Protein backbone atom coordinates (compact mmCIF):
# COMPACT_ATOMS: atom_id res chain seq x y z
CA MET A 1 1.08 -54.99 19.37
CA ASP A 2 3.65 -56.39 17.01
CA TYR A 3 7.31 -55.46 16.79
CA SER A 4 6.92 -53.11 13.79
CA GLN A 5 4.20 -51.14 15.57
CA LEU A 6 6.39 -50.82 18.70
CA LYS A 7 9.24 -49.68 16.53
CA LEU A 8 7.02 -47.02 14.87
CA GLU A 9 5.77 -45.89 18.27
CA ALA A 10 9.32 -45.60 19.58
CA LEU A 11 10.36 -43.59 16.52
CA PHE A 12 7.36 -41.31 17.00
CA LYS A 13 8.29 -40.68 20.64
CA LEU A 14 11.91 -40.11 19.62
CA GLY A 15 10.75 -37.56 17.06
CA LYS A 16 8.79 -35.74 19.75
CA ALA A 17 11.83 -35.78 22.03
CA ASP A 18 13.96 -34.33 19.23
CA LYS A 19 11.41 -31.57 18.68
CA MET A 20 11.39 -30.80 22.40
CA LYS A 21 15.18 -30.72 22.42
CA THR A 22 15.16 -28.41 19.41
CA LEU A 23 12.81 -26.04 21.24
CA GLN A 24 15.06 -26.12 24.27
CA ASP A 25 18.09 -25.42 22.05
CA LYS A 26 16.28 -22.49 20.44
CA ASN A 27 15.31 -21.08 23.84
CA THR A 28 18.90 -21.46 25.06
CA GLU A 29 20.18 -19.80 21.89
CA LYS A 30 17.73 -16.90 22.34
CA ALA A 31 18.86 -16.50 25.95
CA ASP A 32 22.51 -16.51 24.87
CA ILE A 33 21.82 -13.88 22.19
CA LYS A 34 19.93 -11.74 24.72
CA LYS A 35 22.81 -12.03 27.19
CA ALA A 36 25.41 -11.11 24.55
CA ALA A 37 23.25 -8.25 23.24
CA THR A 38 22.83 -6.89 26.77
CA ALA A 39 26.60 -6.97 27.34
CA GLY A 40 27.20 -5.39 23.93
CA LEU A 41 24.66 -2.67 24.63
CA LYS A 42 26.19 -1.85 28.00
CA ALA A 43 29.67 -1.65 26.47
CA SER A 44 28.44 0.39 23.50
CA LEU A 45 26.69 2.91 25.74
CA ASN A 46 29.94 3.35 27.68
CA ILE A 47 31.95 3.70 24.47
CA LEU A 48 29.54 6.27 23.03
CA ASP A 49 29.78 8.20 26.27
CA LYS A 50 33.60 8.15 26.14
CA TRP A 51 33.49 9.27 22.51
CA GLY A 52 31.47 12.27 23.67
CA ALA A 53 28.27 11.33 21.85
CA SER A 54 25.24 13.41 22.76
CA THR A 55 21.96 11.74 23.67
CA ASP A 56 20.54 12.47 20.21
CA GLN A 57 23.65 11.07 18.53
CA ALA A 58 23.50 7.87 20.59
CA ILE A 59 19.78 7.46 19.84
CA ASN A 60 20.42 7.85 16.11
CA ILE A 61 23.43 5.55 16.06
CA LEU A 62 21.66 2.79 18.01
CA GLN A 63 18.30 3.42 16.32
CA LEU A 64 16.46 3.43 19.64
CA GLY A 65 13.43 5.47 20.61
CA ARG A 66 14.09 8.24 23.11
CA ALA A 67 12.19 6.56 25.97
CA THR A 68 13.79 3.21 25.16
CA TYR A 69 17.24 4.79 25.18
CA PHE A 70 16.76 6.21 28.68
CA ASN A 71 15.25 2.92 29.93
CA VAL A 72 18.08 0.76 28.63
CA LYS A 73 20.68 3.25 29.79
CA LYS A 74 19.36 2.66 33.33
CA ASP A 75 19.00 -1.09 32.85
CA PRO A 76 20.43 -2.68 29.67
CA THR A 77 18.81 -6.03 30.57
CA LYS A 78 15.42 -4.54 29.64
CA ALA A 79 16.42 -4.05 26.02
CA ASN A 80 14.67 -6.03 23.31
CA LEU A 81 16.97 -5.38 20.40
CA ASN A 82 16.26 -6.35 16.83
CA ASN A 83 18.90 -7.77 14.47
CA ASP A 84 19.70 -4.34 12.99
CA GLN A 85 20.37 -2.91 16.44
CA ILE A 86 22.51 -5.89 17.42
CA GLU A 87 24.52 -5.50 14.23
CA ARG A 88 25.01 -1.80 15.04
CA LEU A 89 26.40 -2.79 18.45
CA SER A 90 28.77 -5.15 16.71
CA TYR A 91 30.10 -2.40 14.44
CA LEU A 92 30.52 0.00 17.38
CA LEU A 93 32.45 -2.61 19.33
CA ASN A 94 34.61 -3.38 16.31
CA ILE A 95 35.32 0.31 15.70
CA HIS A 96 36.33 0.63 19.34
CA GLN A 97 38.60 -2.42 19.11
CA ALA A 98 40.24 -1.16 15.92
CA LEU A 99 40.90 2.23 17.52
CA ARG A 100 42.46 0.55 20.56
CA LEU A 101 44.76 -1.41 18.26
CA VAL A 102 45.75 1.68 16.26
CA PHE A 103 46.30 4.04 19.19
CA ASP A 104 48.35 3.27 22.27
CA ASN A 105 46.96 6.05 24.40
CA PRO A 106 43.33 6.26 25.54
CA GLU A 107 43.06 9.97 24.63
CA ASN A 108 43.48 9.17 20.95
CA ALA A 109 41.55 5.90 21.05
CA TYR A 110 38.51 7.64 22.57
CA GLY A 111 39.11 11.06 21.05
CA PHE A 112 39.48 9.97 17.42
CA MET A 113 35.74 9.82 16.80
CA GLY A 114 35.42 13.47 17.85
CA PHE A 115 38.29 14.79 15.70
CA GLU A 116 37.65 16.34 12.32
CA ASN A 117 38.93 13.98 9.67
CA ASN A 118 40.07 15.06 6.22
CA ASN A 119 40.00 11.55 4.78
CA GLU A 120 38.06 11.54 1.51
CA PHE A 121 35.08 9.75 3.06
CA PHE A 122 34.76 12.09 6.07
CA ASN A 123 35.47 15.33 4.15
CA GLY A 124 36.43 17.29 7.26
CA LYS A 125 33.62 15.87 9.40
CA LYS A 126 34.03 14.05 12.68
CA PRO A 127 33.50 10.27 12.38
CA LEU A 128 31.05 10.51 15.28
CA ASP A 129 28.95 13.03 13.33
CA VAL A 130 29.01 10.77 10.28
CA ILE A 131 27.69 7.72 12.17
CA ALA A 132 25.22 9.91 14.09
CA THR A 133 23.21 10.34 10.89
CA GLY A 134 21.78 6.95 11.82
CA SER A 135 22.52 5.51 8.40
CA PHE A 136 23.66 1.92 8.60
CA GLY A 137 25.79 2.51 5.52
CA SER A 138 27.64 5.36 7.26
CA LEU A 139 28.32 3.16 10.26
CA TYR A 140 29.63 0.39 8.03
CA GLU A 141 31.78 2.73 5.92
CA THR A 142 33.20 4.37 9.03
CA PHE A 143 34.10 0.95 10.39
CA LYS A 144 35.78 0.03 7.09
CA ARG A 145 37.89 3.22 7.10
CA ILE A 146 38.96 2.81 10.72
CA ASP A 147 39.60 -0.90 10.30
CA ALA A 148 41.82 -0.12 7.30
CA MET A 149 43.99 2.09 9.53
CA ARG A 150 45.18 -0.97 11.39
CA GLY A 151 45.75 -2.93 8.21
CA ALA A 152 42.37 -4.71 8.48
CA GLN A 153 44.03 -7.89 9.69
CA TRP A 154 42.84 -9.74 12.78
């Protein structure tokens, strides 16, 4: 075997090693996403509970099936969430964070979502009822309105 053939063989093996490393990186990334999603789901379930969301409201907001909702409520590690559901968790967590920044006391921070709101977007409805329609747009718009209350500056 001449030098150029050895060099090609080494490059081929290196390419295989890179592909293996890429697969390992992807598996690690998936595990990290699953871990973060599980933590986000657990926190979101607690937040929804503190906001006074009913089971049906939580199911609609999270876009989970009824059986899945009860299973993940018992054990969030069993959840297999899709990207839409993960993004919903993100908005819920961001709404919660914005409310904690706006209100000093927990009663208002957790109670706000259950108060009727006369802001043009809510039209006398409770923000919790608005996001409980299950519409992603309503969740996003609710986040935008609440985020604006704190000046929308991180």
